[in-house]
């Protein structure tokens, strides 16, 4: 009876260790898959530049160029 308990306990430990290793493998595979997709996908945002401008500069542009073309 003790041998049966030892066998069942050993099997349970190995199953839980296998499950933990398999879950870590799946997680890493997902991360690498997402990274591979991101590298293969090129968008305009990859080549865009963002400039910070002041409210005054934007108001000047809006008045002179944007609203000036309408009227």
Protein backbone atom coordinates (compact mmCIF):
# COMPACT_ATOMS: atom_id res chain seq x y z
CA UNK A 1 0.00 0.00 0.00
CA UNK A 2 2.86 2.39 0.76
CA UNK A 3 4.41 1.62 -2.61
CA UNK A 4 1.16 2.50 -4.37
CA UNK A 5 1.01 5.81 -2.51
CA UNK A 6 4.62 6.55 -3.45
CA UNK A 7 3.94 5.78 -7.12
CA UNK A 8 0.82 7.95 -7.19
CA UNK A 9 2.64 10.81 -5.43
CA UNK A 10 5.60 10.58 -7.81
CA UNK A 11 3.32 10.58 -10.85
CA UNK A 12 1.45 13.61 -9.48
CA UNK A 13 4.72 15.52 -8.98
CA UNK A 14 5.92 14.73 -12.50
CA UNK A 15 2.56 15.68 -14.03
CA UNK A 16 2.55 19.02 -12.19
CA UNK A 17 6.18 19.74 -13.20
CA UNK A 18 5.41 18.86 -16.82
CA UNK A 19 2.35 21.14 -16.75
CA UNK A 20 4.38 24.05 -15.35
CA UNK A 21 7.14 23.64 -17.95
CA UNK A 22 4.59 23.30 -20.76
CA UNK A 23 2.74 26.46 -19.67
CA UNK A 24 6.02 28.40 -19.61
CA UNK A 25 6.86 27.08 -23.08
CA UNK A 26 3.48 28.17 -24.45
CA UNK A 27 3.87 31.63 -22.89
CA UNK A 28 7.32 32.14 -24.44
CA UNK A 29 6.09 30.83 -27.80
CA UNK A 30 3.24 33.36 -27.74
CA UNK A 31 5.61 36.24 -26.94
CA UNK A 32 7.97 35.29 -29.77
CA UNK A 33 5.02 34.89 -32.17
CA UNK A 34 3.75 38.37 -31.36
CA UNK A 35 7.24 39.82 -31.76
CA UNK A 36 7.70 38.04 -35.11
CA UNK A 37 4.35 39.41 -36.34
CA UNK A 38 5.30 42.91 -35.22
CA UNK A 39 8.64 42.72 -37.05
CA UNK A 40 7.00 41.48 -40.25
CA UNK A 41 4.27 44.15 -40.17
CA UNK A 42 5.39 47.61 -41.28
CA UNK A 43 3.04 50.55 -40.78
CA UNK A 44 3.23 54.27 -41.40
CA UNK A 45 3.62 54.74 -37.65
CA UNK A 46 7.04 53.10 -37.88
CA UNK A 47 8.24 56.08 -39.95
CA UNK A 48 6.24 58.89 -38.32
CA UNK A 49 7.76 61.70 -36.31
CA UNK A 50 5.85 63.61 -33.65
CA UNK A 51 6.68 67.21 -32.82
CA UNK A 52 5.48 68.99 -29.72
CA UNK A 53 4.23 72.50 -30.53
CA UNK A 54 2.85 75.19 -28.31
CA UNK A 55 -0.79 76.21 -28.22
CA UNK A 56 0.20 79.60 -29.59
CA UNK A 57 1.91 78.08 -32.64
CA UNK A 58 -1.11 75.86 -33.33
CA UNK A 59 -3.52 78.79 -33.02
CA UNK A 60 -1.35 80.83 -35.39
CA UNK A 61 -1.27 78.00 -37.95
CA UNK A 62 -5.00 77.42 -37.63
CA UNK A 63 -5.84 81.08 -38.14
CA UNK A 64 -3.39 81.71 -40.97
CA UNK A 65 -3.53 78.50 -43.01
CA UNK A 66 -6.53 76.39 -42.04
CA UNK A 67 -9.23 79.02 -41.57
CA UNK A 68 -7.62 81.35 -44.11
CA UNK A 69 -8.24 78.84 -46.94
CA UNK A 70 -11.98 78.70 -46.23
CA UNK A 71 -12.79 82.29 -46.76
